[in-house]
Amino acid sequence: MNNSFIFRWFFHANLIVLVTAPLILAPRMASAQDRALQFAELGTCKLDGGAQIENCRLGYRTWGTLNPEHTNAVVFPTWFTGTSEQISGNVGPGKLVDPAKYFVVAIDAFGNGVSSSPSNSTAQPRLKFPAFTTRDMVRAEYRLATETLHLTHVHAVMGISMGGMQTFEWMVDYPDFMDLAIPIVGSTRLTSYDLLLWHGEEDAIRTNPAWENGNYTGHPVFPQMEILHDMNLTTPTHYAREITLADFDAHYAGYSKPSLGQMDPNDRIYQLEAMIHHDVAHGGNLEDAAHQVHAKALVVASEQDHMVNPTPALAFAKLLGAKTLLLTSDCGHLAPGREADKLNPAVETFLDNH
């Protein structure tokens, strides 16, 4: 396991979960079955671009119990490249969300290789898969919540990174479906610096001969893409502290080797494109989008985030009059995991007292 993968694993293992509740009437203890991967079969999912996903399905996992009043559901969509299985590390006492209090539903977003994706579609494989947006992700997640789990309202929607982007989308598109929203190191609309990174990662895949125009075989490696990602994942100070000069040669050599849990390249391109076109105002202005939001929000941003610029999220929070939590370490986009002692109690307090 190379250090690059350890960085990414540490981030994924220390993120947050969004919870949504299935229709369960009697209290019960959480079981292994609760944590098992399940699928919502949605048939056809129509997309913003006019196309549709055939045999559309979303993966999800649940923890905890829906209370008799049906007021404790929390929905948690996945981050970029993430899965509902990885979210499980954030569910438990003292973690981001406690299943003893809340019915948590972690939902796999389109393109993550679990839910409908270029890598697993038989009807629309690889680049025949239609382009989707974060709004399309959320529309399908809403269908899962209402059609599969029969929910009419949830206590909160919560997500990290691309999950935070989806949380902002939830707030605008389904304003009366939740009491609370907790977007963490997410954004309402990307800045030019964010676009520089995400376009750069996509180009590093597309211009590599190993990609073979999306028709690759095996598990091709894209070292330039991985390097670009890791350069922006934390900060120069944090990176230099974690990777010493003595370790650097071995660490750098690891970029040319397949890493455990490597995301399918086409799936990565499709999720990158979804983030590149992310805009909760849908082409309009953010002031109007803010007026649509009814949920109380806790907006969490990382001051030194080089991967998702914190400025748009904080500006939207100001428009909402929302509470904010600023993470200030030099860990950059990894701050939610590295500052869990600050983040987790703040989220718990917000969930419990509203």
Protein backbone atom coordinates (compact mmCIF):
# COMPACT_ATOMS: atom_id res chain seq x y z
CA MET A 1 0.00 0.00 0.00
CA ASN A 2 1.70 3.21 -1.09
CA ASN A 3 1.61 6.50 0.77
CA SER A 4 -0.59 8.10 -1.88
CA PHE A 5 -3.25 5.52 -1.20
CA ILE A 6 -2.83 5.93 2.56
CA PHE A 7 -3.63 9.64 2.17
CA ARG A 8 -6.79 8.89 0.22
CA TRP A 9 -7.78 6.09 2.56
CA PHE A 10 -7.33 8.30 5.62
CA PHE A 11 -9.64 10.91 4.09
CA HIS A 12 -12.31 8.38 3.18
CA ALA A 13 -12.12 6.61 6.54
CA ASN A 14 -12.72 9.82 8.47
CA LEU A 15 -15.62 11.43 6.64
CA ILE A 16 -19.33 11.85 7.38
CA VAL A 17 -22.56 10.01 6.71
CA LEU A 18 -25.95 11.23 5.59
CA VAL A 19 -28.90 9.42 6.96
CA THR A 20 -32.28 8.68 5.50
CA ALA A 21 -34.76 6.34 7.12
CA PRO A 22 -36.66 3.39 5.73
CA LEU A 23 -40.23 2.89 6.89
CA ILE A 24 -39.63 0.96 10.11
CA LEU A 25 -42.23 1.20 12.81
CA ALA A 26 -40.75 -0.55 15.84
CA PRO A 27 -37.43 0.26 17.54
CA ARG A 28 -34.76 -2.40 17.11
CA MET A 29 -31.03 -2.82 17.47
CA ALA A 30 -28.83 -2.23 14.44
CA SER A 31 -27.64 -5.47 12.89
CA ALA A 32 -25.14 -6.59 10.30
CA GLN A 33 -28.03 -6.64 7.82
CA ASP A 34 -28.50 -2.91 8.37
CA ARG A 35 -24.97 -2.32 7.14
CA ALA A 36 -25.29 -4.62 4.12
CA LEU A 37 -25.32 -3.17 0.64
CA GLN A 38 -28.83 -2.91 -0.80
CA PHE A 39 -30.07 -1.62 -4.14
CA ALA A 40 -32.96 0.59 -5.14
CA GLU A 41 -34.16 -0.38 -8.62
CA LEU A 42 -35.46 2.84 -10.19
CA GLY A 43 -36.16 1.70 -13.75
CA THR A 44 -35.43 4.69 -15.99
CA CYS A 45 -33.73 7.80 -14.61
CA LYS A 46 -34.23 10.87 -16.77
CA LEU A 47 -31.31 13.29 -16.81
CA ASP A 48 -30.90 17.04 -17.16
CA GLY A 49 -29.17 16.63 -20.51
CA GLY A 50 -32.22 14.94 -22.07
CA ALA A 51 -30.83 11.39 -22.03
CA GLN A 52 -31.73 8.71 -19.52
CA ILE A 53 -30.07 5.91 -17.56
CA GLU A 54 -31.60 2.54 -18.35
CA ASN A 55 -31.96 -0.08 -15.60
CA CYS A 56 -31.11 2.70 -13.16
CA ARG A 57 -30.12 1.58 -9.67
CA LEU A 58 -28.63 3.11 -6.55
CA GLY A 59 -26.71 1.31 -3.85
CA TYR A 60 -27.32 2.23 -0.21
CA ARG A 61 -26.66 1.08 3.35
CA THR A 62 -28.61 1.82 6.50
CA TRP A 63 -27.78 1.96 10.20
CA GLY A 64 -30.08 2.42 13.19
CA THR A 65 -33.85 2.60 13.40
CA LEU A 66 -36.49 5.00 12.21
CA ASN A 67 -38.29 6.25 15.30
CA PRO A 68 -42.10 5.96 15.67
CA GLU A 69 -42.52 9.63 14.76
CA HIS A 70 -40.35 9.22 11.62
CA THR A 71 -38.31 12.27 12.59
CA ASN A 72 -34.75 10.92 12.89
CA ALA A 73 -33.70 10.02 9.34
CA VAL A 74 -30.41 11.36 7.97
CA VAL A 75 -29.35 11.05 4.30
CA PHE A 76 -25.63 10.88 3.46
CA PRO A 77 -24.55 10.77 -0.24
CA THR A 78 -21.01 9.71 -1.10
CA TRP A 79 -17.99 11.89 -1.85
CA PHE A 80 -15.96 11.87 -5.09
CA THR A 81 -14.74 8.28 -5.74
CA GLY A 82 -16.35 7.20 -2.45
CA THR A 83 -18.78 4.42 -1.59
CA SER A 84 -21.38 3.81 1.11
CA GLU A 85 -19.09 1.12 2.52
CA GLN A 86 -16.41 3.76 3.16
CA ILE A 87 -18.94 6.00 4.90
CA SER A 88 -19.43 3.29 7.54
CA GLY A 89 -16.27 4.46 9.32
CA ASN A 90 -18.10 7.66 10.21
CA VAL A 91 -21.16 6.01 11.76
CA GLY A 92 -21.10 5.25 15.48
CA PRO A 93 -20.93 6.79 18.96
CA GLY A 94 -18.63 9.81 18.98
CA LYS A 95 -18.38 9.78 15.18
CA LEU A 96 -20.16 12.01 12.69
CA VAL A 97 -23.54 10.42 13.21
CA ASP A 98 -24.72 8.02 15.92
CA PRO A 99 -27.11 5.24 14.78
CA ALA A 100 -28.36 4.92 18.36
CA LYS A 101 -30.07 8.29 17.76
CA TYR A 102 -30.57 8.47 14.00
CA PHE A 103 -31.60 6.30 11.12
CA VAL A 104 -28.71 6.78 8.73
CA VAL A 105 -28.92 6.11 5.01
CA ALA A 106 -25.68 6.32 3.03
CA ILE A 107 -26.34 6.49 -0.71
CA ASP A 108 -23.90 5.61 -3.49
CA ALA A 109 -23.85 8.40 -6.08
CA PHE A 110 -23.99 7.74 -9.81
CA GLY A 111 -20.62 6.87 -11.30
CA ASN A 112 -18.97 5.37 -8.22
CA GLY A 113 -18.94 1.81 -9.58
CA VAL A 114 -21.67 0.64 -7.17
CA SER A 115 -24.68 2.61 -8.38
CA SER A 116 -25.30 2.92 -12.13
CA SER A 117 -21.96 3.75 -13.73
CA PRO A 118 -20.06 3.46 -17.02
CA SER A 119 -18.16 0.51 -15.53
CA ASN A 120 -21.16 -1.62 -14.57
CA SER A 121 -23.88 -0.80 -17.10
CA THR A 122 -24.68 -3.53 -19.62
CA ALA A 123 -27.21 -1.45 -21.56
CA GLN A 124 -24.97 1.66 -21.76
CA PRO A 125 -21.39 0.53 -21.13
CA ARG A 126 -18.35 2.78 -20.86
CA LEU A 127 -18.62 5.96 -22.95
CA LYS A 128 -22.11 5.00 -24.13
CA PHE A 129 -23.24 5.90 -20.62
CA PRO A 130 -25.05 9.28 -20.59
CA ALA A 131 -23.52 12.31 -18.87
CA PHE A 132 -25.09 13.13 -15.51
CA THR A 133 -24.95 16.09 -13.13
CA THR A 134 -24.95 16.44 -9.35
CA ARG A 135 -28.58 17.47 -9.75
CA ASP A 136 -29.26 14.15 -11.49
CA MET A 137 -27.55 12.36 -8.59
CA VAL A 138 -29.81 14.09 -6.09
CA ARG A 139 -32.96 13.54 -8.13
CA ALA A 140 -32.30 9.77 -8.10
CA GLU A 141 -31.45 9.88 -4.38
CA TYR A 142 -34.76 11.62 -3.71
CA ARG A 143 -36.52 8.83 -5.59
CA LEU A 144 -34.71 6.25 -3.45
CA ALA A 145 -35.80 8.06 -0.28
CA THR A 146 -39.42 8.47 -1.33
CA GLU A 147 -40.12 5.47 -3.58
CA THR A 148 -37.94 2.77 -2.02
CA LEU A 149 -37.81 3.88 1.62
CA HIS A 150 -41.22 5.62 1.58
CA LEU A 151 -39.94 8.69 3.40
CA THR A 152 -41.85 11.95 3.25
CA HIS A 153 -39.38 13.99 5.31
CA VAL A 154 -35.93 13.56 6.88
CA HIS A 155 -34.20 15.19 9.79
CA ALA A 156 -31.02 15.99 7.87
CA VAL A 157 -29.02 15.67 4.69
CA MET A 158 -25.29 15.64 5.14
CA GLY A 159 -22.27 15.01 2.92
CA ILE A 160 -18.57 15.63 2.40
CA SER A 161 -16.73 17.01 -0.64
CA MET A 162 -18.84 15.94 -3.65
CA GLY A 163 -21.32 14.77 -1.00
CA GLY A 164 -21.32 18.36 0.26
CA MET A 165 -22.04 19.55 -3.27
CA GLN A 166 -25.00 17.18 -3.38
CA THR A 167 -26.14 18.46 0.03
CA PHE A 168 -26.26 22.01 -1.31
CA GLU A 169 -28.24 20.66 -4.28
CA TRP A 170 -30.68 18.91 -1.93
CA MET A 171 -31.19 22.20 -0.04
CA VAL A 172 -32.18 24.07 -3.18
CA ASP A 173 -34.12 21.40 -5.10
CA TYR A 174 -36.02 19.80 -2.20
CA PRO A 175 -36.21 22.63 0.38
CA ASP A 176 -39.04 21.17 2.46
CA PHE A 177 -37.79 17.59 2.56
CA MET A 178 -35.31 18.14 5.42
CA ASP A 179 -35.04 20.08 8.66
CA LEU A 180 -31.25 20.42 8.55
CA ALA A 181 -28.46 20.42 6.00
CA ILE A 182 -24.76 19.92 6.76
CA PRO A 183 -22.54 20.37 3.68
CA ILE A 184 -18.91 19.65 4.62
CA VAL A 185 -16.02 20.92 2.44
CA GLY A 186 -18.47 21.16 -0.45
CA SER A 187 -19.37 23.97 -2.85
CA THR A 188 -22.36 25.58 -4.49
CA ARG A 189 -20.50 26.39 -7.72
CA LEU A 190 -16.85 25.76 -8.51
CA THR A 191 -14.20 28.46 -8.72
CA SER A 192 -11.71 28.73 -11.58
CA TYR A 193 -9.06 27.08 -9.38
CA ASP A 194 -11.34 24.09 -8.74
CA LEU A 195 -11.96 23.82 -12.48
CA LEU A 196 -8.22 23.92 -13.16
CA LEU A 197 -7.77 20.87 -10.95
CA TRP A 198 -10.73 18.83 -12.18
CA HIS A 199 -10.11 19.56 -15.86
CA GLY A 200 -6.44 18.74 -15.29
CA GLU A 201 -7.28 15.36 -13.75
CA GLU A 202 -9.64 14.53 -16.60
CA ASP A 203 -7.11 15.54 -19.25
CA ALA A 204 -4.43 13.45 -17.52
CA ILE A 205 -6.64 10.41 -18.11
CA ARG A 206 -7.85 11.22 -21.61
CA THR A 207 -4.39 12.06 -22.99
CA ASN A 208 -2.72 8.96 -21.56
CA PRO A 209 -2.40 6.22 -24.24
CA ALA A 210 -3.36 3.64 -21.59
CA TRP A 211 -6.90 5.03 -21.57
CA GLU A 212 -7.39 3.85 -25.19
CA ASN A 213 -10.36 6.21 -25.74
CA GLY A 214 -12.23 4.57 -22.91
CA ASN A 215 -11.77 1.03 -24.24
CA TYR A 216 -8.87 0.00 -22.00
CA THR A 217 -8.36 -3.50 -20.68
CA GLY A 218 -7.17 -4.47 -17.22
CA HIS A 219 -6.39 -1.75 -14.70
CA PRO A 220 -4.38 1.02 -16.38
CA VAL A 221 -2.40 3.40 -14.17
CA PHE A 222 -2.57 7.18 -14.58
CA PRO A 223 0.32 8.57 -12.50
CA GLN A 224 -0.03 12.18 -13.68
CA MET A 225 -3.65 12.23 -12.56
CA GLU A 226 -2.78 10.73 -9.15
CA ILE A 227 0.07 13.21 -8.63
CA LEU A 228 -2.14 16.17 -9.50
CA HIS A 229 -4.81 14.91 -7.12
CA ASP A 230 -2.41 14.43 -4.21
CA MET A 231 -0.78 17.83 -4.78
CA ASN A 232 -4.16 19.42 -4.07
CA LEU A 233 -5.49 17.01 -1.46
CA THR A 234 -3.64 18.66 1.41
CA THR A 235 -1.25 21.64 1.54
CA PRO A 236 2.48 22.00 0.79
CA THR A 237 3.23 22.27 4.51
CA HIS A 238 1.27 19.14 5.37
CA TYR A 239 2.70 17.14 2.48
CA ALA A 240 6.29 18.08 3.31
CA ARG A 241 5.72 17.07 6.93
CA GLU A 242 4.14 13.71 6.07
CA ILE A 243 6.47 12.72 3.21
CA THR A 244 10.07 13.30 4.20
CA LEU A 245 12.91 13.61 1.72
CA ALA A 246 14.04 10.15 2.76
CA ASP A 247 10.62 8.73 1.90
CA PHE A 248 10.02 10.66 -1.30
CA ASP A 249 11.62 8.36 -3.90
CA ALA A 250 9.67 5.32 -2.74
CA HIS A 251 6.50 7.37 -2.45
CA TYR A 252 6.86 8.81 -5.95
CA ALA A 253 7.57 5.39 -7.45
CA GLY A 254 4.24 4.23 -6.06
CA TYR A 255 2.35 6.42 -8.53
CA SER A 256 3.38 4.08 -11.36
CA LYS A 257 1.85 1.05 -9.65
CA PRO A 258 -1.81 0.09 -9.37
CA SER A 259 -3.25 1.11 -5.98
CA LEU A 260 -5.74 -0.79 -3.89
CA GLY A 261 -9.28 0.39 -4.52
CA GLN A 262 -8.35 2.31 -7.68
CA MET A 263 -11.42 3.86 -9.30
CA ASP A 264 -12.40 2.87 -12.83
CA PRO A 265 -11.05 5.63 -15.14
CA ASN A 266 -14.31 6.13 -17.03
CA ASP A 267 -16.27 6.32 -13.78
CA ARG A 268 -13.80 8.94 -12.58
CA ILE A 269 -14.24 11.03 -15.74
CA TYR A 270 -18.04 10.99 -15.36
CA GLN A 271 -17.94 12.08 -11.71
CA LEU A 272 -15.35 14.74 -12.59
CA GLU A 273 -17.68 16.07 -15.28
CA ALA A 274 -20.56 16.15 -12.79
CA MET A 275 -18.49 18.31 -10.45
CA ILE A 276 -17.20 20.51 -13.26
CA HIS A 277 -20.80 21.41 -14.20
CA HIS A 278 -22.05 21.62 -10.61
CA ASP A 279 -24.14 24.77 -10.01
CA VAL A 280 -26.98 24.86 -7.49
CA ALA A 281 -28.31 28.01 -9.16
CA HIS A 282 -28.73 26.04 -12.42
CA GLY A 283 -27.46 28.92 -14.52
CA GLY A 284 -29.16 31.60 -12.46
CA ASN A 285 -27.83 33.62 -9.54
CA LEU A 286 -26.97 32.23 -6.13
CA GLU A 287 -29.05 34.86 -4.34
CA ASP A 288 -32.21 33.42 -5.89
CA ALA A 289 -31.06 29.88 -5.07
CA ALA A 290 -30.52 30.89 -1.44
CA HIS A 291 -34.09 32.21 -1.24
CA GLN A 292 -35.35 28.71 -2.07
CA VAL A 293 -33.64 27.10 0.94
CA HIS A 294 -35.80 26.42 3.99
CA ALA A 295 -33.55 24.06 5.97
CA LYS A 296 -31.34 25.26 8.77
CA ALA A 297 -27.76 24.76 7.71
CA LEU A 298 -24.36 24.17 9.26
CA VAL A 299 -21.80 24.88 6.54
CA VAL A 300 -18.38 23.37 7.22
CA ALA A 301 -15.36 24.62 5.27
CA SER A 302 -11.62 24.07 5.41
CA GLU A 303 -9.70 27.34 5.40
CA GLN A 304 -6.69 25.88 3.56
CA ASP A 305 -8.62 23.61 1.17
CA HIS A 306 -6.77 23.43 -2.16
CA MET A 307 -9.19 20.87 -3.65
CA VAL A 308 -12.60 22.50 -3.09
CA ASN A 309 -12.24 26.23 -2.60
CA PRO A 310 -14.14 27.26 0.57
CA THR A 311 -15.20 30.70 -0.69
CA PRO A 312 -18.46 29.74 -2.49
CA ALA A 313 -19.74 27.66 0.45
CA LEU A 314 -19.03 30.42 2.97
CA ALA A 315 -20.59 33.06 0.70
CA PHE A 316 -23.76 30.95 0.38
CA ALA A 317 -23.84 30.45 4.15
CA LYS A 318 -23.82 34.23 4.52
CA LEU A 319 -26.75 34.54 2.12
CA LEU A 320 -28.63 31.97 4.21
CA GLY A 321 -27.65 33.42 7.57
CA ALA A 322 -26.44 29.89 8.32
CA LYS A 323 -24.10 28.67 11.01
CA THR A 324 -20.55 27.99 9.85
CA LEU A 325 -17.66 25.93 11.14
CA LEU A 326 -14.21 26.77 9.78
CA LEU A 327 -11.53 24.08 10.00
CA THR A 328 -8.15 25.76 10.20
CA SER A 329 -5.45 23.08 10.13
CA ASP A 330 -2.95 22.75 7.28
CA CYS A 331 -4.53 19.41 6.27
CA GLY A 332 -6.51 21.05 3.48
CA HIS A 333 -9.27 18.86 2.09
CA LEU A 334 -8.39 16.20 4.67
CA ALA A 335 -9.38 18.52 7.51
CA PRO A 336 -12.74 16.80 8.30
CA GLY A 337 -10.89 13.64 9.28
CA ARG A 338 -7.89 15.28 10.87
CA GLU A 339 -10.05 17.70 12.91
CA ALA A 340 -12.68 15.15 13.91
CA ASP A 341 -12.37 16.23 17.55
CA LYS A 342 -13.69 19.63 16.46
CA LEU A 343 -16.08 18.58 13.71
CA ASN A 344 -17.87 15.59 15.21
CA PRO A 345 -19.14 17.33 18.39
CA ALA A 346 -20.27 20.34 16.37
CA VAL A 347 -22.29 18.12 14.03
CA GLU A 348 -23.72 16.14 16.94
CA THR A 349 -24.83 19.33 18.70
CA PHE A 350 -26.41 20.68 15.53
CA LEU A 351 -28.28 17.43 14.84
CA ASP A 352 -29.47 17.03 18.43
CA ASN A 353 -30.59 20.60 19.12
CA HIS A 354 -32.62 21.49 16.03
